[in-house]
Amino acid sequence: MKKVSPKLDLLDNPAPNINFPIVGIGASAGGLAAFEAFFSGMPTDANPGMAFVLIQHLPPNHKSHLTKLVQRYTRMQVIEVEDGMAVQPNCTYVLPSGHDIAFLNGTLHLMPQLKPRGHQIELEMQNEEPRRIQAELEASQARFFDLYELAPVGYVTVNEADLIQQINLSAVILLGVIRDNMIHKPITGFILREDQDIFHLAHRKLLETHEMQTCELRMAREGNTPVWVHMTLTTAQDAAGIPELRLAISDITERKQAEQALDEERKLLRTLVDLLPSSVFVKDRESRFLLANAACARAMEVDSPELLIGKTDADFFPPEIANKNRNDELEVLIGNHALDNEQKSYLKNGDPQVLLVSKVPLQDRTTEIAGLVGVGFDITKRVQFENELQLKDAFQLDILNSLPAHIAVLDKMGTILAVNEPWLRYGRENGSPDGENTGVGSNYLNICRAASLDADAYAKSASAGVEAVLLGMETRFNMEYPC
């Protein structure tokens, strides 16, 4: 509750000399437009050199929003009056509801609202009904002010010629314009040219269907700065029965900017994913493709990734392959990881294709498994090379086995890399039945060295000759020894 001063005798307390004007302005509960027009019309590049006191007639218990609203239209400081507040130039003072005000000795004092006395009471009693109606009217105006002017969305009323007839404070603030500069102006003049067709299409559809329409478009703030709005269009009739268009607009600029940033990030991510040489895909719980990159489309032999969306492996592979893939993915969908699995299939031309595929669960915001993410590397050429190498090794081993000589191939450290069957047979017949000292992986040079420690002359000669060849000191070494 505001502190108030007792009854003041202004004649016994003359005001000091104030060297700047103090302007008092009064208005009814519906006088916001007048305040708005007054302050928005004042110069914005200089201080006025005076003080203003604003008095709005409101019901005693109705909170005034005038301080906050006027501040939007002036560079001056706007202050709600407190008892004993000194008046300063270039400031605007707003009287709170439920008080009278007095100016004394350079300060403002809040006074309790005085009740009528004597003959005034008789007059008031005679005018009780008009006063009651007036009070109800003022309360209604205050409610209208709260519900219409201070609504969380902007309201604009447009006539049949698309001219603005009425606009609330929220719309004025949203667009950053003076109310009088919008009245009787075309609504399209405040919509970006590129988006005017959006408005006309929604308006035409409203007239055709008589159903509420919505759209999103850009309107122009002061200085032609665009602001994204969500617009709702409805029709009604004015007091004379003439049709009018009613618009409700709300600022969605931040949401649009976030959507644009997200869209740019998605495009960047999509570009990076499409540049990857490996297949990347996302599937839902039914193993339907939700996303795929260009490499995945090539592997599935379709023209674009979009042709995979909504389809499953059953649309591209024989049942036995599609069913195996589905069973593997069911394991992933219960939380298991399927890593580095070879997925074999055949291309349309009959050539084999082998992908090394890894799949992991995809969780949604609630950490529930909503699908899976997969990555596949084409290892067809690698597998073909390995198969060819195995065939080559087998062929070379067949050649070695066909020779009657005992043959072993050593690396530069003396480790056996390959042997033929006669070599292994000789080892089995001479103390190495399991091939431990004569098979692949054994170090033949170390075996010779160990034997030379037993003063075996043949072993010493063999060890020295083999080591000389391995070190590049000799190109060949021959030795005969009794068996």
Protein backbone atom coordinates (compact mmCIF):
# COMPACT_ATOMS: atom_id res chain seq x y z
CA MET A 1 0.00 0.00 0.00
CA LYS A 2 1.33 3.42 -0.95
CA LYS A 3 2.36 5.76 1.87
CA VAL A 4 0.21 8.93 1.86
CA SER A 5 0.60 12.34 3.46
CA PRO A 6 -1.87 13.78 5.95
CA LYS A 7 -4.02 16.70 4.90
CA LEU A 8 -1.78 19.52 3.68
CA ASP A 9 -2.47 23.23 3.97
CA LEU A 10 -1.05 24.48 0.69
CA LEU A 11 -1.64 28.14 1.54
CA ASP A 12 0.60 27.97 4.62
CA ASN A 13 3.34 26.15 2.68
CA PRO A 14 4.02 28.04 -0.54
CA ALA A 15 6.03 26.19 -3.16
CA PRO A 16 9.63 27.23 -3.80
CA ASN A 17 10.58 28.79 -7.08
CA ILE A 18 10.68 26.07 -9.78
CA ASN A 19 12.66 27.15 -12.82
CA PHE A 20 11.12 24.64 -15.24
CA PRO A 21 7.52 24.00 -16.33
CA ILE A 22 5.46 21.21 -14.76
CA VAL A 23 2.71 19.97 -17.08
CA GLY A 24 -0.26 18.02 -15.74
CA ILE A 25 -2.21 15.78 -18.13
CA GLY A 26 -5.40 13.94 -17.22
CA ALA A 27 -7.32 11.23 -19.07
CA SER A 28 -10.00 8.64 -18.53
CA ALA A 29 -9.36 4.88 -18.31
CA GLY A 30 -9.52 4.67 -22.09
CA GLY A 31 -7.12 7.55 -22.68
CA LEU A 32 -4.08 5.48 -23.58
CA ALA A 33 -4.25 6.44 -27.26
CA ALA A 34 -4.10 10.12 -26.27
CA PHE A 35 -1.03 9.57 -24.08
CA GLU A 36 0.53 7.48 -26.83
CA ALA A 37 -0.06 10.12 -29.50
CA PHE A 38 1.23 12.90 -27.24
CA PHE A 39 4.52 11.30 -26.25
CA SER A 40 5.24 9.65 -29.61
CA GLY A 41 4.88 13.09 -31.21
CA MET A 42 7.50 14.71 -28.99
CA PRO A 43 11.04 15.25 -30.35
CA THR A 44 13.25 12.24 -29.72
CA ASP A 45 16.62 13.96 -30.16
CA ALA A 46 16.41 16.38 -27.22
CA ASN A 47 15.05 16.60 -23.68
CA PRO A 48 11.97 18.83 -23.24
CA GLY A 49 13.33 20.68 -20.18
CA MET A 50 10.08 20.22 -18.27
CA ALA A 51 8.31 17.65 -16.08
CA PHE A 52 5.00 15.88 -16.74
CA VAL A 53 2.47 14.55 -14.24
CA LEU A 54 -0.01 12.02 -15.69
CA ILE A 55 -3.34 11.42 -13.97
CA GLN A 56 -5.55 8.63 -15.33
CA HIS A 57 -9.02 8.05 -13.95
CA LEU A 58 -9.10 4.41 -12.86
CA PRO A 59 -11.12 2.40 -10.34
CA PRO A 60 -9.36 2.55 -6.93
CA ASN A 61 -8.30 -1.10 -6.94
CA HIS A 62 -7.22 -1.25 -10.57
CA LYS A 63 -3.44 -1.45 -11.09
CA SER A 64 -2.17 1.13 -13.56
CA HIS A 65 0.08 -0.01 -16.43
CA LEU A 66 0.65 3.53 -17.62
CA THR A 67 4.25 3.78 -16.36
CA LYS A 68 5.43 0.83 -18.42
CA LEU A 69 3.46 1.83 -21.52
CA VAL A 70 4.51 5.48 -21.68
CA GLN A 71 8.16 4.52 -21.26
CA ARG A 72 7.98 2.91 -24.70
CA TYR A 73 7.34 6.28 -26.36
CA THR A 74 9.73 8.65 -24.60
CA ARG A 75 13.39 8.97 -23.76
CA MET A 76 12.46 10.56 -20.43
CA GLN A 77 12.43 8.54 -17.23
CA VAL A 78 8.85 7.50 -16.37
CA ILE A 79 8.22 7.05 -12.64
CA GLU A 80 5.21 6.00 -10.57
CA VAL A 81 4.77 8.66 -7.88
CA GLU A 82 5.71 7.89 -4.29
CA ASP A 83 4.88 10.18 -1.41
CA GLY A 84 7.41 13.01 -0.98
CA MET A 85 9.07 12.47 -4.35
CA ALA A 86 11.02 15.51 -5.60
CA VAL A 87 10.12 16.72 -9.08
CA GLN A 88 12.96 16.81 -11.60
CA PRO A 89 12.99 18.15 -15.14
CA ASN A 90 12.89 15.71 -18.07
CA CYS A 91 10.91 13.20 -16.02
CA THR A 92 7.35 11.93 -16.27
CA TYR A 93 5.42 11.08 -13.09
CA VAL A 94 2.39 8.76 -13.08
CA LEU A 95 -0.22 8.94 -10.30
CA PRO A 96 -1.05 5.46 -8.92
CA SER A 97 -4.74 4.56 -8.79
CA GLY A 98 -6.73 5.23 -5.63
CA HIS A 99 -4.94 8.49 -4.72
CA ASP A 100 -5.16 12.22 -5.11
CA ILE A 101 -1.98 14.23 -5.56
CA ALA A 102 -0.59 17.51 -4.27
CA PHE A 103 2.52 19.52 -5.16
CA LEU A 104 4.27 21.20 -2.26
CA ASN A 105 7.77 22.64 -1.82
CA GLY A 106 9.01 21.03 -4.99
CA THR A 107 7.75 17.56 -4.09
CA LEU A 108 4.75 15.40 -4.96
CA HIS A 109 2.56 14.08 -2.15
CA LEU A 110 0.03 11.27 -2.35
CA MET A 111 -3.28 12.08 -0.71
CA PRO A 112 -6.17 9.82 0.25
CA GLN A 113 -9.07 10.32 -2.13
CA LEU A 114 -11.47 12.71 -0.42
CA LYS A 115 -15.13 11.81 0.03
CA PRO A 116 -17.78 14.49 -0.61
CA ARG A 117 -19.20 16.41 2.40
CA GLY A 118 -22.26 18.59 3.22
CA HIS A 119 -24.27 19.70 0.19
CA GLN A 120 -21.99 17.65 -2.00
CA ILE A 121 -23.32 14.50 -0.31
CA GLU A 122 -26.88 15.52 -1.21
CA LEU A 123 -25.84 16.11 -4.81
CA GLU A 124 -24.00 12.83 -4.87
CA MET A 125 -27.07 11.01 -3.59
CA GLN A 126 -29.15 12.59 -6.33
CA ASN A 127 -26.58 11.49 -8.90
CA GLU A 128 -25.92 8.05 -7.41
CA GLU A 129 -27.26 6.13 -10.40
CA PRO A 130 -25.29 8.13 -13.02
CA ARG A 131 -22.18 7.74 -10.86
CA ARG A 132 -22.74 3.99 -10.61
CA ILE A 133 -23.10 3.75 -14.37
CA GLN A 134 -20.01 5.90 -14.82
CA ALA A 135 -18.04 3.67 -12.44
CA GLU A 136 -19.16 0.56 -14.27
CA LEU A 137 -18.22 2.17 -17.57
CA GLU A 138 -14.77 3.07 -16.27
CA ALA A 139 -14.27 -0.45 -14.90
CA SER A 140 -15.35 -1.85 -18.25
CA GLN A 141 -12.90 0.44 -20.01
CA ALA A 142 -10.14 -0.73 -17.70
CA ARG A 143 -10.97 -4.37 -18.37
CA PHE A 144 -11.04 -3.68 -22.10
CA PHE A 145 -7.66 -2.01 -21.81
CA ASP A 146 -6.20 -5.08 -20.08
CA LEU A 147 -7.84 -7.63 -22.37
CA TYR A 148 -7.36 -5.82 -25.68
CA GLU A 149 -4.48 -3.36 -25.43
CA LEU A 150 -2.29 -5.56 -23.19
CA ALA A 151 -3.17 -8.90 -24.80
CA PRO A 152 -0.19 -11.25 -25.33
CA VAL A 153 -0.83 -11.09 -29.08
CA GLY A 154 -1.34 -8.24 -31.50
CA TYR A 155 -4.86 -7.52 -32.80
CA VAL A 156 -5.50 -5.73 -36.09
CA THR A 157 -8.91 -5.00 -37.62
CA VAL A 158 -9.02 -4.50 -41.40
CA ASN A 159 -11.95 -3.35 -43.54
CA GLU A 160 -13.06 -4.71 -46.91
CA ALA A 161 -10.57 -2.44 -48.68
CA ASP A 162 -7.71 -4.02 -46.67
CA LEU A 163 -7.25 -0.77 -44.72
CA ILE A 164 -6.37 -0.96 -41.02
CA GLN A 165 -9.21 0.32 -38.82
CA GLN A 166 -7.99 -0.61 -35.38
CA ILE A 167 -4.78 -1.95 -33.84
CA ASN A 168 -3.94 -2.75 -30.22
CA LEU A 169 -0.87 -1.73 -28.26
CA SER A 170 0.73 -5.18 -28.48
CA ALA A 171 0.70 -5.00 -32.30
CA VAL A 172 2.06 -1.45 -32.22
CA ILE A 173 4.94 -2.54 -29.99
CA LEU A 174 5.58 -5.66 -32.09
CA LEU A 175 5.92 -3.61 -35.28
CA GLY A 176 7.62 -0.65 -33.58
CA VAL A 177 5.41 1.96 -35.26
CA ILE A 178 3.18 4.79 -34.10
CA ARG A 179 -0.48 3.80 -34.01
CA ASP A 180 -1.68 6.81 -35.97
CA ASN A 181 0.77 5.96 -38.75
CA MET A 182 -1.00 2.64 -39.30
CA ILE A 183 -4.66 3.61 -39.13
CA HIS A 184 -6.34 3.73 -42.59
CA LYS A 185 -3.19 2.32 -44.21
CA PRO A 186 -3.19 -0.93 -46.29
CA ILE A 187 -2.28 -3.94 -44.18
CA THR A 188 -0.14 -5.19 -47.07
CA GLY A 189 2.06 -2.11 -46.63
CA PHE A 190 3.31 -3.72 -43.42
CA ILE A 191 3.93 -7.15 -44.97
CA LEU A 192 7.13 -7.90 -46.84
CA ARG A 193 6.54 -7.91 -50.59
CA GLU A 194 7.90 -11.45 -50.89
CA ASP A 195 5.28 -12.72 -48.40
CA GLN A 196 2.22 -10.77 -49.54
CA ASP A 197 1.01 -13.69 -51.65
CA ILE A 198 0.92 -15.81 -48.47
CA PHE A 199 -1.44 -13.29 -46.88
CA HIS A 200 -3.65 -12.99 -49.98
CA LEU A 201 -3.92 -16.77 -50.31
CA ALA A 202 -4.97 -17.19 -46.67
CA HIS A 203 -7.44 -14.27 -46.98
CA ARG A 204 -8.98 -15.72 -50.13
CA LYS A 205 -9.32 -19.15 -48.53
CA LEU A 206 -10.99 -17.55 -45.50
CA LEU A 207 -13.56 -15.84 -47.73
CA GLU A 208 -14.21 -19.08 -49.62
CA THR A 209 -14.53 -21.44 -46.66
CA HIS A 210 -15.57 -19.04 -43.85
CA GLU A 211 -13.20 -21.01 -41.65
CA MET A 212 -10.36 -19.58 -39.60
CA GLN A 213 -7.03 -19.55 -41.44
CA THR A 214 -3.45 -19.35 -40.19
CA CYS A 215 -0.18 -18.57 -41.90
CA GLU A 216 3.38 -17.57 -41.13
CA LEU A 217 4.91 -14.59 -42.88
CA ARG A 218 7.23 -11.64 -42.41
CA MET A 219 5.96 -8.20 -41.47
CA ALA A 220 8.04 -5.02 -41.56
CA ARG A 221 9.11 -3.24 -38.40
CA GLU A 222 10.03 0.42 -38.43
CA GLY A 223 13.10 0.75 -40.64
CA ASN A 224 11.87 -2.16 -42.76
CA THR A 225 13.38 -4.72 -40.39
CA PRO A 226 11.52 -8.01 -40.93
CA VAL A 227 9.77 -9.78 -38.07
CA TRP A 228 8.33 -13.27 -38.44
CA VAL A 229 4.73 -13.56 -37.21
CA HIS A 230 2.14 -16.28 -36.85
CA MET A 231 -1.08 -14.76 -38.20
CA THR A 232 -4.62 -15.95 -37.52
CA LEU A 233 -7.35 -14.65 -39.86
CA THR A 234 -11.07 -14.56 -38.98
CA THR A 235 -14.07 -12.61 -40.26
CA ALA A 236 -16.68 -10.66 -38.29
CA GLN A 237 -19.08 -7.75 -38.71
CA ASP A 238 -18.72 -4.29 -37.25
CA ALA A 239 -21.50 -2.44 -35.41
CA ALA A 240 -23.07 -1.46 -38.74
CA GLY A 241 -23.07 -5.06 -40.00
CA ILE A 242 -20.23 -4.45 -42.45
CA PRO A 243 -17.82 -7.40 -42.81
CA GLU A 244 -14.30 -6.88 -41.45
CA LEU A 245 -11.14 -8.94 -41.25
CA ARG A 246 -9.63 -9.59 -37.84
CA LEU A 247 -6.00 -10.55 -37.50
CA ALA A 248 -4.16 -11.93 -34.48
CA ILE A 249 -0.38 -11.80 -34.79
CA SER A 250 2.35 -13.15 -32.52
CA ASP A 251 6.10 -12.82 -32.80
CA ILE A 252 7.80 -16.08 -33.87
CA THR A 253 11.08 -14.52 -35.00
CA GLU A 254 13.18 -16.38 -32.44
CA ARG A 255 11.55 -19.68 -33.37
CA LYS A 256 12.13 -19.04 -37.07
CA GLN A 257 15.75 -18.10 -36.45
CA ALA A 258 16.22 -21.31 -34.47
CA GLU A 259 14.56 -23.32 -37.25
CA GLN A 260 16.79 -21.66 -39.84
CA ALA A 261 19.92 -22.40 -37.80
CA LEU A 262 18.78 -26.00 -37.34
CA ASP A 263 18.04 -26.31 -41.05
CA GLU A 264 21.50 -25.00 -41.94
CA GLU A 265 23.09 -27.47 -39.52
CA ARG A 266 21.07 -30.30 -41.06
CA LYS A 267 22.13 -29.29 -44.56
CA LEU A 268 25.77 -29.16 -43.48
CA LEU A 269 25.49 -32.54 -41.78
CA ARG A 270 23.74 -33.97 -44.83
CA THR A 271 26.49 -32.67 -47.11
CA LEU A 272 29.16 -34.22 -44.91
CA VAL A 273 27.31 -37.53 -44.68
CA ASP A 274 26.80 -37.69 -48.45
CA LEU A 275 30.53 -37.12 -48.99
CA LEU A 276 31.41 -40.17 -46.90
CA PRO A 277 32.48 -43.17 -49.00
CA SER A 278 30.77 -45.54 -46.56
CA SER A 279 27.05 -46.23 -46.34
CA VAL A 280 25.22 -44.46 -43.53
CA PHE A 281 21.56 -45.14 -42.73
CA VAL A 282 18.95 -44.80 -40.00
CA LYS A 283 16.02 -47.19 -39.58
CA ASP A 284 12.92 -47.24 -37.37
CA ARG A 285 11.77 -50.15 -35.23
CA GLU A 286 10.20 -51.79 -38.27
CA SER A 287 13.55 -51.65 -40.11
CA ARG A 288 12.22 -48.99 -42.47
CA PHE A 289 14.74 -46.50 -43.81
CA LEU A 290 14.37 -43.05 -42.25
CA LEU A 291 17.60 -41.61 -43.65
CA ALA A 292 20.31 -42.77 -46.03
CA ASN A 293 23.28 -41.15 -47.71
CA ALA A 294 24.43 -41.27 -51.32
CA ALA A 295 26.84 -44.18 -50.71
CA CYS A 296 23.99 -46.22 -49.22
CA ALA A 297 21.83 -45.48 -52.26
CA ARG A 298 24.65 -46.68 -54.55
CA ALA A 299 25.07 -49.85 -52.52
CA MET A 300 21.30 -50.50 -52.76
CA GLU A 301 21.41 -49.68 -56.51
CA VAL A 302 18.81 -46.87 -56.42
CA ASP A 303 19.12 -43.45 -58.02
CA SER A 304 18.81 -41.34 -54.85
CA PRO A 305 18.63 -41.77 -51.07
CA GLU A 306 15.02 -40.51 -51.10
CA LEU A 307 13.97 -43.69 -52.91
CA LEU A 308 14.97 -45.72 -49.85
CA ILE A 309 12.84 -43.80 -47.34
CA GLY A 310 10.00 -45.88 -45.92
CA LYS A 311 11.25 -49.13 -47.48
CA THR A 312 12.96 -52.16 -45.94
CA ASP A 313 15.60 -54.63 -47.07
CA ALA A 314 12.76 -56.89 -48.23
CA ASP A 315 12.15 -54.42 -51.08
CA PHE A 316 15.67 -54.93 -52.42
CA PHE A 317 17.05 -58.33 -51.34
CA PRO A 318 15.94 -61.96 -51.66
CA PRO A 319 13.96 -63.26 -48.67
CA GLU A 320 16.87 -65.22 -47.17
CA ILE A 321 19.11 -62.12 -47.05
CA ALA A 322 16.33 -59.73 -45.97
CA ASN A 323 15.22 -62.09 -43.19
CA LYS A 324 18.78 -62.48 -41.90
CA ASN A 325 19.25 -58.71 -41.84
CA ARG A 326 15.93 -58.26 -40.03
CA ASN A 327 16.87 -60.85 -37.39
CA ASP A 328 20.19 -59.10 -36.84
CA GLU A 329 18.40 -55.76 -36.44
CA LEU A 330 15.90 -57.20 -33.93
CA GLU A 331 18.88 -57.93 -31.70
CA VAL A 332 20.04 -54.34 -32.05
CA LEU A 333 16.55 -53.05 -31.22
CA ILE A 334 16.69 -54.75 -27.81
CA GLY A 335 19.95 -52.98 -27.00
CA ASN A 336 22.71 -55.13 -28.46
CA HIS A 337 25.44 -53.83 -30.78
CA ALA A 338 26.16 -55.62 -34.05
CA LEU A 339 29.68 -54.66 -35.06
CA ASP A 340 31.77 -55.55 -38.14
CA ASN A 341 29.40 -58.13 -39.57
CA GLU A 342 29.94 -59.19 -43.18
CA GLN A 343 26.72 -58.75 -45.13
CA LYS A 344 26.80 -60.64 -48.41
CA SER A 345 24.48 -60.04 -51.33
CA TYR A 346 24.43 -59.91 -55.12
CA LEU A 347 24.08 -56.91 -57.42
CA LYS A 348 21.50 -56.79 -60.19
CA ASN A 349 24.14 -57.92 -62.67
CA GLY A 350 24.92 -60.98 -60.57
CA ASP A 351 28.22 -59.74 -59.13
CA PRO A 352 28.79 -60.44 -55.45
CA GLN A 353 28.84 -57.58 -52.93
CA VAL A 354 30.21 -57.74 -49.41
CA LEU A 355 29.63 -54.96 -46.86
CA LEU A 356 31.22 -54.76 -43.42
CA VAL A 357 28.24 -53.45 -41.45
CA SER A 358 27.95 -52.13 -37.88
CA LYS A 359 24.59 -51.29 -36.29
CA VAL A 360 23.83 -49.68 -32.92
CA PRO A 361 20.57 -48.70 -31.18
CA LEU A 362 19.13 -45.19 -31.69
CA GLN A 363 17.56 -43.66 -28.58
CA ASP A 364 14.91 -40.93 -28.52
CA ARG A 365 14.66 -38.09 -25.98
CA THR A 366 13.17 -40.45 -23.40
CA THR A 367 16.12 -42.87 -23.89
CA GLU A 368 13.75 -45.41 -25.42
CA ILE A 369 15.12 -47.30 -28.42
CA ALA A 370 13.40 -45.75 -31.43
CA GLY A 371 15.42 -47.42 -34.18
CA LEU A 372 19.00 -48.03 -35.20
CA VAL A 373 21.94 -46.35 -36.92
CA GLY A 374 24.11 -48.31 -39.33
CA VAL A 375 27.39 -47.83 -41.16
CA GLY A 376 28.56 -50.10 -43.97
CA PHE A 377 31.92 -50.31 -45.74
CA ASP A 378 32.16 -51.99 -49.13
CA ILE A 379 34.87 -54.64 -48.71
CA THR A 380 34.02 -56.56 -51.87
CA LYS A 381 37.41 -55.89 -53.50
CA ARG A 382 39.26 -56.71 -50.31
CA VAL A 383 37.45 -60.03 -49.96
CA GLN A 384 38.09 -60.80 -53.62
CA PHE A 385 41.79 -60.01 -53.17
CA GLU A 386 41.98 -62.21 -50.07
CA ASN A 387 40.29 -65.05 -51.93
CA GLU A 388 42.65 -64.64 -54.86
CA LEU A 389 45.61 -64.60 -52.47
CA GLN A 390 44.40 -67.77 -50.80
CA LEU A 391 44.08 -69.43 -54.20
CA LYS A 392 47.56 -68.23 -55.12
CA ASP A 393 49.00 -69.55 -51.86
CA ALA A 394 47.27 -72.87 -52.40
CA PHE A 395 48.59 -73.03 -55.96
CA GLN A 396 52.12 -72.25 -54.84
CA LEU A 397 51.87 -74.84 -52.09
CA ASP A 398 50.70 -77.42 -54.63
CA ILE A 399 53.78 -76.63 -56.72
CA LEU A 400 56.09 -76.95 -53.69
CA ASN A 401 54.48 -80.22 -52.66
CA SER A 402 54.97 -81.65 -56.15
CA LEU A 403 58.74 -81.23 -55.85
CA PRO A 404 60.69 -84.16 -54.29
CA ALA A 405 63.25 -81.84 -52.63
CA HIS A 406 62.81 -80.72 -49.00
CA ILE A 407 61.88 -77.02 -49.26
CA ALA A 408 61.44 -74.36 -46.54
CA VAL A 409 61.05 -70.60 -47.04
CA LEU A 410 62.56 -68.38 -44.32
CA ASP A 411 62.23 -64.68 -43.56
CA LYS A 412 65.31 -62.56 -42.75
CA MET A 413 65.09 -63.55 -39.08
CA GLY A 414 65.16 -67.26 -39.94
CA THR A 415 61.48 -67.94 -39.23
CA ILE A 416 59.85 -70.53 -41.51
CA LEU A 417 57.17 -68.99 -43.72
CA ALA A 418 56.31 -71.98 -45.89
CA VAL A 419 57.33 -75.61 -46.30
CA ASN A 420 56.39 -78.40 -48.65
CA GLU A 421 55.17 -81.85 -47.78
CA PRO A 422 58.58 -83.61 -48.33
CA TRP A 423 60.13 -81.21 -45.74
CA LEU A 424 57.41 -82.02 -43.21
CA ARG A 425 57.68 -85.73 -43.93
CA TYR A 426 61.43 -85.61 -43.34
CA GLY A 427 60.84 -83.84 -40.02
CA ARG A 428 58.30 -86.42 -38.92
CA GLU A 429 60.72 -89.21 -39.76
CA ASN A 430 63.64 -87.53 -37.91
CA GLY A 431 62.49 -86.51 -34.49
CA SER A 432 59.73 -83.91 -35.12
CA PRO A 433 56.51 -85.88 -35.58
CA ASP A 434 54.28 -82.88 -34.79
CA GLY A 435 56.26 -80.38 -36.91
CA GLU A 436 57.06 -78.24 -33.85
CA ASN A 437 60.66 -77.63 -34.98
CA THR A 438 60.14 -77.87 -38.70
CA GLY A 439 56.72 -76.35 -39.41
CA VAL A 440 55.60 -72.83 -40.35
CA GLY A 441 56.37 -70.36 -37.57
CA SER A 442 59.41 -72.21 -36.22
CA ASN A 443 62.75 -70.39 -36.28
CA TYR A 444 65.05 -72.68 -38.26
CA LEU A 445 68.12 -70.52 -37.64
CA ASN A 446 67.71 -70.80 -33.87
CA ILE A 447 67.31 -74.55 -34.19
CA CYS A 448 70.61 -74.74 -36.11
CA ARG A 449 72.34 -72.54 -33.54
CA ALA A 450 71.13 -74.74 -30.70
CA ALA A 451 72.41 -77.85 -32.44
CA SER A 452 75.82 -76.25 -33.04
CA LEU A 453 76.28 -75.92 -29.28
CA ASP A 454 76.48 -79.72 -29.09
CA ALA A 455 79.71 -79.58 -31.13
CA ASP A 456 77.86 -80.92 -34.17
CA ALA A 457 80.07 -79.89 -37.08
CA TYR A 458 77.26 -80.19 -39.62
CA ALA A 459 74.99 -78.05 -37.43
CA LYS A 460 77.67 -75.38 -37.06
CA SER A 461 78.24 -75.33 -40.82
CA ALA A 462 74.51 -75.16 -41.52
CA SER A 463 73.99 -72.36 -38.99
CA ALA A 464 76.84 -70.30 -40.41
CA GLY A 465 75.77 -70.79 -44.02
CA VAL A 466 72.07 -69.98 -43.44
CA GLU A 467 72.96 -66.86 -41.44
CA ALA A 468 75.37 -65.65 -44.13
CA VAL A 469 72.62 -65.84 -46.77
CA LEU A 470 70.04 -64.15 -44.50
CA LEU A 471 72.47 -61.30 -43.79
CA GLY A 472 73.19 -60.83 -47.50
CA MET A 473 76.80 -61.89 -47.16
CA GLU A 474 76.24 -64.79 -49.53
CA THR A 475 73.79 -65.30 -52.36
CA ARG A 476 73.59 -69.07 -51.90
CA PHE A 477 74.74 -71.84 -49.60
CA ASN A 478 75.09 -75.54 -50.39
CA MET A 479 75.81 -78.32 -47.97
CA GLU A 480 75.73 -82.08 -48.00
CA TYR A 481 75.35 -84.06 -44.82
CA PRO A 482 74.69 -87.73 -44.10
CA CYS A 483 71.12 -88.74 -43.30
